[in-house]
Amino acid sequence: MNAGIHAAIDPVEAAREKRRAALASVASALLLVGLKVSMAVATGSLGILSEALHSSLDLVTTVVTYLSVRVADRPADATHQYGHGKVESFAAFVETGLLLVASVYVIWEALQRLLFRDVRIAPSLLAIFILGLTIVVDVVRSRALARVARKYQSEALEADALHFSTDVWSTVVVMAGIAAVWIGERTGVSWLRYTDPVAALAVAGVIIWVGARLGRRTLDALLDAAPHGLQERIAAAVATLPGVLAAERVRVRRAGHRHFVDVTISVPRTTSFEQVHEVSDAVERRVNDIVPADVMVHMEPRAAATENLFDAIRAIAARRGLPIHELSAQQVNGRLFIELHLEVDENLGLREAHRRATELENEIHALPAVTDGAAGPARSRAEVNIHIEPLGTHIPTAQAPPGPMRTLAGEVELRVNALRGEFPELVNCHQVKVRRVEERVLVSCHCAMDGDASITRIHDVTAAIEDRVKAQFPEIARVTIHPEPVEES
């Protein structure tokens, strides 16, 4: 049954329907016990007595089932945080024990009658007719219980349905035994009187067979055994999701009709927190496509097989909580030359800032991509240069641009536009803003450029333009250029 069907089920209506089914089962059990006990007393048949005993135990178990269904449908609370679903499994396990006790008694009494005692019974057509009536009752209620059990995955109701479906066959066997004894009395075939205890042994065999199956399933549920094949299906499905490197561990347990799934997956260590959350949501949805479940997802960061040097360095910095930018690498005389800008708290002293940079540098040296096979800076084939700068957290107030600042803005615009001949990618410069912030002159502007040029080339051009502007206007401390495609300027 898919998740969409389960999602549409009203839990209140589900609990009400399960209780109605359990109450109807109790009423049926009362009727059957009354009929079979009266026939056992009237005929003295061990077969009918075994059936009466079986139905008496069924009455007890149906009452237990009704009570367990009421408890199992209670929502989770502070004490039972996984809900009360295992009450159904426990009730089914109790039913199994009672059935096995009944079978042991029936076997003992049957052997006594076969080997040591001669008990005369009084079969009648009325007894056979009443047994046939009980078969009809068993068929009706077993089908009703099975339908509700399948609909809501109720172990307790499923146990009742199994009991009553096997009651049909055991009652047929008892009817056959009673009929054989009745025929034996009419025909003088004395050995047919043994068919009654033999029928009782057959009923006991059915009880043991059903009890063993039911007991194994309920014991598995109580011991949190994973449903067969479900763990493998979930692991295979989750491992194919985008952003998941592997499903490292999947654990499944069931309480009543509810499953609880714990999934541990590995994700690329460069994945952002927001992306990790999206992957987690995707895993939960995929699991619920397979089985309705409460899903817990645990993430393990791993280096992907395709991880490059730049991603590895960014992952190291992110793990240390160090923002970096301007990361680049070049081959110089057979050695790697790695450069990057490291941002640290603007209130740190140089000593502490340098210590953090050194720790980051040592980890970069130890990367497999920059060593000759042995870890550590001594075998590194890379040179690392880290530029340290303050991490901006303070927002100063800029002064309103006076006349000289507006004049400087116009001069900067003219200067940049004069560079179009030197840089063919540059189309025009506009929106030049000049401001004085804490005794520093800052300039920002927009430059329309060739949209087909690579971002690497555009970066080089904007850096060169910034240098030219600062060279011509030494009072400018920083120039920031926003490049945009000419068609969007």
Protein backbone atom coordinates (compact mmCIF):
# COMPACT_ATOMS: atom_id res chain seq x y z
CA MET A 1 0.00 0.00 0.00
CA ASN A 2 1.52 3.31 -0.98
CA ALA A 3 2.10 6.38 1.12
CA GLY A 4 -0.63 8.39 -0.59
CA ILE A 5 -3.29 5.92 0.49
CA HIS A 6 -2.07 5.94 4.08
CA ALA A 7 -1.85 9.71 4.12
CA ALA A 8 -5.58 9.88 3.24
CA ILE A 9 -6.64 7.67 6.18
CA ASP A 10 -8.32 9.53 9.01
CA PRO A 11 -6.69 8.23 12.24
CA VAL A 12 -9.88 8.84 14.24
CA GLU A 13 -11.99 6.85 11.77
CA ALA A 14 -9.31 4.16 11.63
CA ALA A 15 -9.35 3.74 15.41
CA ARG A 16 -13.16 3.65 15.41
CA GLU A 17 -13.31 1.00 12.67
CA LYS A 18 -10.71 -1.19 14.38
CA ARG A 19 -12.63 -1.02 17.67
CA ARG A 20 -15.90 -1.93 15.91
CA ALA A 21 -14.22 -4.93 14.28
CA ALA A 22 -12.77 -6.05 17.63
CA LEU A 23 -16.14 -5.69 19.40
CA ALA A 24 -17.88 -7.69 16.68
CA SER A 25 -15.23 -10.36 17.17
CA VAL A 26 -15.97 -10.46 20.92
CA ALA A 27 -19.69 -10.90 20.25
CA SER A 28 -19.01 -13.72 17.75
CA ALA A 29 -16.70 -15.45 20.23
CA LEU A 30 -19.40 -15.33 22.92
CA LEU A 31 -21.90 -16.93 20.56
CA LEU A 32 -19.50 -19.68 19.49
CA VAL A 33 -18.45 -20.52 23.05
CA GLY A 34 -22.09 -20.88 24.09
CA LEU A 35 -22.93 -23.17 21.17
CA LYS A 36 -19.83 -25.38 21.45
CA VAL A 37 -19.96 -25.77 25.24
CA SER A 38 -23.60 -26.87 25.08
CA MET A 39 -22.78 -29.40 22.34
CA ALA A 40 -19.72 -30.69 24.22
CA VAL A 41 -21.82 -31.29 27.34
CA ALA A 42 -24.60 -32.92 25.32
CA THR A 43 -22.36 -35.24 23.29
CA GLY A 44 -19.27 -35.78 25.47
CA SER A 45 -17.13 -35.30 22.33
CA LEU A 46 -13.47 -34.46 22.92
CA GLY A 47 -13.37 -32.92 19.46
CA ILE A 48 -16.22 -30.54 20.29
CA LEU A 49 -14.70 -29.93 23.74
CA SER A 50 -11.41 -29.00 22.10
CA GLU A 51 -13.30 -26.63 19.82
CA ALA A 52 -15.17 -25.17 22.81
CA LEU A 53 -11.88 -24.69 24.63
CA HIS A 54 -10.39 -23.16 21.50
CA SER A 55 -13.31 -20.75 21.23
CA SER A 56 -13.12 -19.94 24.96
CA LEU A 57 -9.51 -18.95 24.51
CA ASP A 58 -10.57 -17.01 21.43
CA LEU A 59 -13.03 -15.12 23.61
CA VAL A 60 -10.26 -14.18 26.01
CA THR A 61 -7.95 -13.17 23.21
CA THR A 62 -10.61 -11.12 21.42
CA VAL A 63 -11.15 -9.18 24.63
CA VAL A 64 -7.39 -8.68 24.87
CA THR A 65 -7.37 -7.63 21.21
CA TYR A 66 -10.10 -5.07 21.80
CA LEU A 67 -8.27 -3.59 24.76
CA SER A 68 -4.93 -3.60 22.90
CA VAL A 69 -6.43 -1.86 19.85
CA ARG A 70 -7.78 0.89 22.10
CA VAL A 71 -4.35 1.37 23.67
CA ALA A 72 -2.31 0.96 20.47
CA ASP A 73 -4.14 3.80 18.70
CA ARG A 74 -3.24 6.31 21.37
CA PRO A 75 -0.83 8.97 20.06
CA ALA A 76 2.75 9.20 21.25
CA ASP A 77 3.25 11.00 24.54
CA ALA A 78 6.11 12.15 26.75
CA THR A 79 6.53 8.65 28.23
CA HIS A 80 5.93 6.59 25.08
CA GLN A 81 7.60 8.69 22.42
CA TYR A 82 7.31 5.99 19.74
CA GLY A 83 3.60 5.52 20.38
CA HIS A 84 1.79 2.48 21.80
CA GLY A 85 1.76 0.26 18.70
CA LYS A 86 3.72 -2.59 20.31
CA VAL A 87 0.74 -3.29 22.57
CA GLU A 88 -0.84 -5.03 19.58
CA SER A 89 2.25 -7.20 19.11
CA PHE A 90 2.24 -8.07 22.80
CA ALA A 91 -1.46 -8.98 22.67
CA ALA A 92 -0.84 -11.21 19.67
CA PHE A 93 2.04 -12.89 21.53
CA VAL A 94 -0.24 -13.57 24.52
CA GLU A 95 -2.79 -15.11 22.16
CA THR A 96 -0.11 -17.40 20.78
CA GLY A 97 0.82 -18.60 24.26
CA LEU A 98 -2.82 -19.33 25.13
CA LEU A 99 -3.29 -21.28 21.90
CA LEU A 100 -0.25 -23.44 22.61
CA VAL A 101 -1.50 -24.17 26.14
CA ALA A 102 -4.85 -25.24 24.66
CA SER A 103 -3.15 -27.52 22.14
CA VAL A 104 -1.10 -29.25 24.84
CA TYR A 105 -4.27 -30.02 26.83
CA VAL A 106 -6.11 -31.33 23.75
CA ILE A 107 -3.17 -33.58 22.80
CA TRP A 108 -2.96 -34.99 26.33
CA GLU A 109 -6.69 -35.75 26.49
CA ALA A 110 -6.73 -37.25 22.99
CA LEU A 111 -3.85 -39.62 23.80
CA GLN A 112 -5.59 -40.63 27.01
CA ARG A 113 -8.74 -41.56 25.08
CA LEU A 114 -6.83 -43.34 22.34
CA LEU A 115 -4.55 -45.38 24.60
CA PHE A 116 -5.86 -45.59 28.15
CA ARG A 117 -9.53 -44.61 28.52
CA ASP A 118 -12.65 -45.55 26.61
CA VAL A 119 -15.00 -42.57 26.65
CA ARG A 120 -18.40 -43.00 25.09
CA ILE A 121 -19.80 -39.99 23.26
CA ALA A 122 -23.33 -39.28 22.06
CA PRO A 123 -23.14 -37.80 18.55
CA SER A 124 -26.22 -36.30 16.92
CA LEU A 125 -27.26 -34.58 13.72
CA LEU A 126 -28.10 -31.48 15.77
CA ALA A 127 -24.50 -31.28 16.95
CA ILE A 128 -23.28 -31.59 13.36
CA PHE A 129 -25.74 -28.85 12.28
CA ILE A 130 -24.62 -26.50 15.05
CA LEU A 131 -20.97 -27.05 14.16
CA GLY A 132 -21.86 -26.13 10.57
CA LEU A 133 -23.46 -22.93 11.88
CA THR A 134 -20.27 -22.05 13.77
CA ILE A 135 -18.32 -22.47 10.52
CA VAL A 136 -20.49 -19.81 8.90
CA VAL A 137 -19.89 -17.44 11.83
CA ASP A 138 -16.12 -18.07 11.68
CA VAL A 139 -15.98 -17.39 7.94
CA VAL A 140 -17.89 -14.11 8.23
CA ARG A 141 -15.89 -12.69 11.12
CA SER A 142 -12.49 -13.89 9.85
CA ARG A 143 -13.06 -12.10 6.54
CA ALA A 144 -14.26 -8.93 8.28
CA LEU A 145 -11.25 -8.92 10.60
CA ALA A 146 -8.79 -9.65 7.78
CA ARG A 147 -10.14 -6.72 5.75
CA VAL A 148 -9.69 -4.26 8.61
CA ALA A 149 -6.29 -5.75 9.54
CA ARG A 150 -4.97 -5.31 5.97
CA LYS A 151 -6.39 -1.81 5.74
CA TYR A 152 -4.71 -0.59 8.94
CA GLN A 153 -1.83 -3.12 9.30
CA SER A 154 -3.08 -4.23 12.73
CA GLU A 155 -1.21 -7.24 14.13
CA ALA A 156 -3.81 -7.91 16.81
CA LEU A 157 -6.71 -7.99 14.35
CA GLU A 158 -4.62 -10.06 11.94
CA ALA A 159 -4.03 -12.56 14.75
CA ASP A 160 -7.76 -12.80 15.38
CA ALA A 161 -8.45 -13.24 11.67
CA LEU A 162 -5.91 -16.07 11.46
CA HIS A 163 -7.44 -17.79 14.49
CA PHE A 164 -10.93 -17.70 13.12
CA SER A 165 -9.89 -18.79 9.64
CA THR A 166 -8.17 -21.85 11.12
CA ASP A 167 -11.25 -22.44 13.31
CA VAL A 168 -13.11 -23.15 10.09
CA TRP A 169 -10.81 -26.05 9.19
CA SER A 170 -10.57 -27.37 12.73
CA THR A 171 -14.37 -27.32 13.01
CA VAL A 172 -14.64 -29.20 9.71
CA VAL A 173 -12.30 -31.84 11.12
CA VAL A 174 -14.37 -32.12 14.31
CA MET A 175 -17.57 -32.40 12.24
CA ALA A 176 -16.01 -35.20 10.27
CA GLY A 177 -15.03 -36.96 13.50
CA ILE A 178 -18.51 -36.61 15.00
CA ALA A 179 -20.09 -37.76 11.74
CA ALA A 180 -17.78 -40.82 11.65
CA VAL A 181 -18.69 -41.75 15.24
CA TRP A 182 -22.39 -41.32 14.42
CA ILE A 183 -21.99 -43.54 11.35
CA GLY A 184 -20.02 -46.10 13.40
CA GLU A 185 -22.87 -46.39 15.92
CA ARG A 186 -25.36 -46.88 13.15
CA THR A 187 -23.25 -49.42 11.23
CA GLY A 188 -21.57 -51.23 14.10
CA VAL A 189 -18.05 -50.28 13.03
CA SER A 190 -16.50 -49.90 16.49
CA TRP A 191 -13.14 -48.48 15.50
CA LEU A 192 -14.82 -45.31 14.14
CA ARG A 193 -15.20 -44.14 17.76
CA TYR A 194 -11.52 -43.24 17.66
CA THR A 195 -12.12 -40.63 14.98
CA ASP A 196 -13.20 -38.13 17.66
CA PRO A 197 -9.84 -38.03 19.55
CA VAL A 198 -8.02 -38.21 16.20
CA ALA A 199 -10.00 -35.16 15.09
CA ALA A 200 -8.99 -33.48 18.35
CA LEU A 201 -5.33 -34.23 17.59
CA ALA A 202 -5.79 -32.68 14.14
CA VAL A 203 -7.24 -29.54 15.74
CA ALA A 204 -4.27 -29.40 18.11
CA GLY A 205 -1.91 -29.69 15.14
CA VAL A 206 -3.64 -26.78 13.41
CA ILE A 207 -3.39 -24.72 16.60
CA ILE A 208 0.35 -25.40 16.94
CA TRP A 209 0.97 -24.58 13.26
CA VAL A 210 -0.91 -21.28 13.42
CA GLY A 211 0.58 -20.42 16.80
CA ALA A 212 4.13 -21.01 15.58
CA ARG A 213 3.65 -18.71 12.58
CA LEU A 214 1.96 -16.01 14.59
CA GLY A 215 4.41 -16.31 17.47
CA ARG A 216 7.42 -15.93 15.19
CA ARG A 217 6.00 -12.75 13.61
CA THR A 218 4.95 -11.14 16.87
CA LEU A 219 8.26 -12.02 18.53
CA ASP A 220 10.09 -10.41 15.61
CA ALA A 221 8.00 -7.27 16.08
CA LEU A 222 8.68 -7.17 19.82
CA LEU A 223 12.42 -7.64 19.19
CA ASP A 224 12.47 -4.95 16.46
CA ALA A 225 13.36 -7.38 13.68
CA ALA A 226 13.53 -5.58 10.33
CA PRO A 227 10.71 -6.56 7.93
CA HIS A 228 12.13 -8.93 5.30
CA GLY A 229 13.66 -7.08 2.34
CA LEU A 230 12.51 -3.62 3.44
CA GLN A 231 15.94 -2.52 4.67
CA GLU A 232 17.56 -3.41 1.34
CA ARG A 233 14.82 -1.68 -0.69
CA ILE A 234 15.18 1.54 1.29
CA ALA A 235 19.00 1.52 1.08
CA ALA A 236 18.95 0.97 -2.67
CA ALA A 237 16.37 3.71 -3.25
CA VAL A 238 18.07 6.28 -1.04
CA ALA A 239 21.53 5.67 -2.54
CA THR A 240 20.32 6.79 -5.97
CA LEU A 241 19.06 10.21 -4.84
CA PRO A 242 20.92 13.31 -6.09
CA GLY A 243 23.38 14.60 -3.50
CA VAL A 244 23.75 11.21 -1.77
CA LEU A 245 27.12 9.50 -2.09
CA ALA A 246 26.02 6.30 -0.34
CA ALA A 247 23.49 4.91 2.12
CA GLU A 248 25.87 3.81 4.86
CA ARG A 249 23.34 2.34 7.29
CA VAL A 250 19.59 1.75 7.32
CA ARG A 251 17.69 0.54 10.38
CA VAL A 252 13.99 -0.31 10.37
CA ARG A 253 11.66 -1.14 13.23
CA ARG A 254 7.90 -1.48 13.42
CA ALA A 255 5.41 -0.70 16.17
CA GLY A 256 1.85 -1.65 15.23
CA HIS A 257 1.10 -0.28 11.76
CA ARG A 258 3.83 2.38 12.01
CA HIS A 259 7.42 2.00 10.81
CA PHE A 260 10.42 3.88 12.18
CA VAL A 261 13.39 4.24 9.83
CA ASP A 262 16.87 5.51 10.71
CA VAL A 263 19.00 6.32 7.66
CA THR A 264 22.68 7.30 7.71
CA ILE A 265 23.88 8.69 4.40
CA SER A 266 27.13 10.24 3.22
CA VAL A 267 27.05 13.55 1.35
CA PRO A 268 29.83 15.60 -0.26
CA ARG A 269 31.57 17.58 2.45
CA THR A 270 31.33 20.74 0.36
CA THR A 271 27.53 20.63 0.46
CA SER A 272 25.96 23.67 2.11
CA PHE A 273 23.69 23.36 5.12
CA GLU A 274 20.67 24.36 3.03
CA GLN A 275 21.52 21.70 0.45
CA VAL A 276 21.94 19.08 3.18
CA HIS A 277 18.47 19.95 4.46
CA GLU A 278 17.01 19.53 0.97
CA VAL A 279 18.72 16.15 0.63
CA SER A 280 17.30 15.10 4.00
CA ASP A 281 13.78 16.06 2.90
CA ALA A 282 14.26 14.09 -0.33
CA VAL A 283 15.34 11.00 1.65
CA GLU A 284 12.27 11.24 3.89
CA ARG A 285 9.96 11.53 0.88
CA ARG A 286 11.63 8.58 -0.86
CA VAL A 287 11.31 6.35 2.21
CA ASN A 288 7.64 7.26 2.58
CA ASP A 289 7.10 6.32 -1.07
CA ILE A 290 8.14 2.80 -0.07
CA VAL A 291 6.50 2.55 3.36
CA PRO A 292 4.71 5.08 5.61
CA ALA A 293 7.31 5.82 8.27
CA ASP A 294 8.75 8.20 10.80
CA VAL A 295 12.17 8.85 9.24
CA MET A 296 15.34 10.05 10.98
CA VAL A 297 18.19 11.04 8.63
CA HIS A 298 21.80 11.36 9.80
CA MET A 299 24.37 12.93 7.49
CA GLU A 300 28.07 12.05 7.28
CA PRO A 301 30.31 14.44 5.31
CA ARG A 302 32.62 12.58 2.94
CA ALA A 303 35.12 13.51 0.26
CA ALA A 304 33.56 12.61 -3.08
CA ALA A 305 35.63 10.51 -5.48
CA THR A 306 35.46 13.42 -7.92
CA GLU A 307 36.47 16.06 -5.36
CA ASN A 308 39.12 18.43 -6.78
CA LEU A 309 41.85 20.35 -4.96
CA PHE A 310 39.80 23.54 -4.68
CA ASP A 311 36.80 21.75 -3.16
CA ALA A 312 39.11 19.96 -0.71
CA ILE A 313 40.63 23.27 0.44
CA ARG A 314 37.20 24.89 0.78
CA ALA A 315 36.01 21.89 2.81
CA ILE A 316 38.97 22.21 5.21
CA ALA A 317 38.31 25.92 5.66
CA ALA A 318 34.57 25.35 6.16
CA ARG A 319 35.20 22.67 8.79
CA ARG A 320 37.39 25.15 10.67
CA GLY A 321 34.79 27.90 10.26
CA LEU A 322 37.20 30.06 8.25
CA PRO A 323 35.78 32.07 5.32
CA ILE A 324 38.10 32.11 2.30
CA HIS A 325 38.00 33.59 -1.20
CA GLU A 326 40.32 34.40 -4.09
CA LEU A 327 41.47 30.77 -4.11
CA SER A 328 43.82 29.95 -6.97
CA ALA A 329 46.55 27.45 -7.84
CA GLN A 330 49.34 27.38 -10.44
CA GLN A 331 52.09 25.00 -11.45
CA VAL A 332 55.50 26.65 -10.92
CA ASN A 333 58.59 24.59 -11.82
CA GLY A 334 56.81 21.32 -11.06
CA ARG A 335 55.41 22.59 -7.76
CA LEU A 336 51.93 23.79 -6.90
CA PHE A 337 51.63 27.40 -5.83
CA ILE A 338 48.38 27.94 -3.92
CA GLU A 339 47.06 31.34 -2.96
CA LEU A 340 43.96 32.32 -1.05
CA HIS A 341 42.49 35.11 1.05
CA LEU A 342 41.51 34.24 4.60
CA GLU A 343 38.97 36.34 6.51
CA VAL A 344 39.28 36.50 10.30
CA ASP A 345 37.57 38.48 13.05
CA GLU A 346 38.57 42.10 12.67
CA ASN A 347 39.22 42.32 16.42
CA LEU A 348 41.87 39.57 16.40
CA GLY A 349 45.54 40.38 16.89
CA LEU A 350 48.07 39.38 14.28
CA ARG A 351 49.47 36.54 16.42
CA GLU A 352 46.11 34.73 16.72
CA ALA A 353 45.18 35.42 13.09
CA HIS A 354 48.53 34.03 11.94
CA ARG A 355 48.06 30.91 14.07
CA ARG A 356 44.76 30.15 12.34
CA ALA A 357 46.31 30.73 8.93
CA THR A 358 49.21 28.41 9.81
CA GLU A 359 46.85 25.61 10.91
CA LEU A 360 44.91 25.94 7.68
CA GLU A 361 48.15 25.94 5.68
CA ASN A 362 49.36 22.74 7.40
CA GLU A 363 46.14 20.93 6.54
CA ILE A 364 46.41 22.02 2.92
CA HIS A 365 49.99 20.69 2.81
CA ALA A 366 48.73 17.31 4.09
CA LEU A 367 46.17 16.86 1.30
CA PRO A 368 46.90 13.84 -0.94
CA ALA A 369 46.76 16.11 -3.98
CA VAL A 370 49.71 18.18 -2.73
CA THR A 371 51.95 15.47 -1.24
CA ASP A 372 54.16 12.80 -2.72
CA GLY A 373 52.30 10.01 -0.98
CA ALA A 374 53.30 10.72 2.62
CA ALA A 375 51.32 13.06 4.83
CA GLY A 376 52.82 16.19 6.30
CA PRO A 377 54.41 19.44 5.12
CA ALA A 378 57.86 17.85 4.79
CA ARG A 379 56.80 15.87 1.71
CA SER A 380 54.48 18.52 0.31
CA ARG A 381 54.99 19.54 -3.30
CA ALA A 382 53.01 22.75 -2.80
CA GLU A 383 53.74 26.24 -1.61
CA VAL A 384 50.83 27.93 0.14
CA ASN A 385 50.49 31.68 0.52
CA ILE A 386 47.60 32.98 2.63
CA HIS A 387 46.58 36.61 2.62
CA ILE A 388 44.89 37.55 5.91
CA GLU A 389 42.20 40.21 5.96
CA PRO A 390 39.47 41.31 8.39
CA LEU A 391 36.05 39.73 8.16
CA GLY A 392 33.64 42.62 7.76
CA THR A 393 31.03 42.81 10.49
CA HIS A 394 30.94 46.55 11.17
CA ILE A 395 28.64 48.76 9.06
CA PRO A 396 30.01 52.32 9.11
CA THR A 397 28.03 55.40 8.10
CA ALA A 398 29.19 56.93 4.83
CA GLN A 399 29.27 60.68 4.44
CA ALA A 400 27.03 62.31 1.85
CA PRO A 401 29.17 62.93 -1.26
CA PRO A 402 30.22 66.60 -1.38
CA GLY A 403 31.02 68.41 -4.59
CA PRO A 404 34.59 67.06 -4.94
CA MET A 405 33.31 63.46 -4.63
CA ARG A 406 30.75 64.02 -7.40
CA THR A 407 33.48 65.54 -9.54
CA LEU A 408 35.72 62.52 -8.87
CA ALA A 409 32.88 60.20 -9.91
CA GLY A 410 32.65 61.90 -13.27
CA GLU A 411 36.41 61.70 -13.77
CA VAL A 412 36.44 57.99 -12.93
CA GLU A 413 33.64 57.33 -15.42
CA LEU A 414 35.55 59.15 -18.15
CA ARG A 415 38.77 57.28 -17.28
CA VAL A 416 37.14 53.85 -17.42
CA ASN A 417 35.32 54.56 -20.68
CA ALA A 418 38.64 55.68 -22.15
CA LEU A 419 39.93 52.14 -21.65
CA ARG A 420 37.51 50.58 -24.16
CA GLY A 421 40.14 50.54 -26.84
CA GLU A 422 42.52 48.60 -24.62
CA PHE A 423 39.86 46.16 -23.40
CA PRO A 424 37.47 45.14 -26.21
CA GLU A 425 35.20 43.35 -23.73
CA LEU A 426 34.36 46.71 -22.10
CA VAL A 427 31.35 48.45 -23.66
CA ASN A 428 30.68 51.29 -21.21
CA CYS A 429 30.96 52.38 -17.59
CA HIS A 430 27.99 53.89 -15.73
CA GLN A 431 26.45 54.34 -12.28
CA VAL A 432 29.73 55.47 -10.72
CA LYS A 433 29.39 56.12 -6.98
CA VAL A 434 32.11 57.72 -4.86
CA ARG A 435 31.84 57.96 -1.06
CA ARG A 436 34.08 58.66 1.90
CA VAL A 437 33.87 56.06 4.66
CA GLU A 438 36.01 56.46 7.78
CA GLU A 439 38.60 58.61 5.95
CA ARG A 440 38.77 56.17 3.01
CA VAL A 441 37.52 56.96 -0.49
CA LEU A 442 35.57 54.05 -1.99
CA VAL A 443 34.37 53.79 -5.58
CA SER A 444 31.79 51.44 -7.10
CA CYS A 445 30.45 51.30 -10.63
CA HIS A 446 28.72 49.12 -13.22
CA CYS A 447 30.47 48.08 -16.41
CA ALA A 448 28.59 46.70 -19.41
CA MET A 449 30.70 43.99 -21.04
CA ASP A 450 30.59 41.33 -23.73
CA GLY A 451 28.20 38.65 -22.45
CA ASP A 452 29.96 35.91 -24.43
CA ALA A 453 33.33 36.46 -22.73
CA SER A 454 34.35 33.90 -20.08
CA ILE A 455 34.03 34.90 -16.45
CA THR A 456 37.78 34.33 -16.02
CA ARG A 457 38.53 36.89 -18.72
CA ILE A 458 35.97 39.34 -17.30
CA HIS A 459 37.57 38.99 -13.85
CA ASP A 460 40.98 39.77 -15.29
CA VAL A 461 39.64 42.82 -17.15
CA THR A 462 37.84 44.25 -14.10
CA ALA A 463 40.95 43.73 -11.94
CA ALA A 464 43.08 45.58 -14.52
CA ILE A 465 40.59 48.45 -14.73
CA GLU A 466 40.51 48.76 -10.94
CA ASP A 467 44.33 48.97 -10.90
CA ARG A 468 44.34 51.67 -13.60
CA VAL A 469 41.81 53.77 -11.73
CA LYS A 470 43.72 53.56 -8.42
CA ALA A 471 46.98 54.37 -10.23
CA GLN A 472 45.51 57.55 -11.71
CA PHE A 473 43.63 58.56 -8.55
CA PRO A 474 45.87 57.69 -5.56
CA GLU A 475 43.30 59.02 -3.07
CA ILE A 476 40.97 56.11 -3.93
CA ALA A 477 41.42 53.19 -1.50
CA ARG A 478 39.19 50.66 -3.23
CA VAL A 479 37.36 50.22 -6.54
CA THR A 480 34.54 47.69 -6.89
CA ILE A 481 33.25 46.95 -10.40
CA HIS A 482 30.01 45.09 -11.08
CA PRO A 483 30.22 43.49 -14.56
CA GLU A 484 26.99 42.86 -16.45
CA PRO A 485 26.11 41.68 -19.98
CA VAL A 486 25.65 44.64 -22.30
CA GLU A 487 22.11 43.56 -23.17
CA GLU A 488 21.11 43.81 -19.48
CA SER A 489 22.81 47.11 -18.67
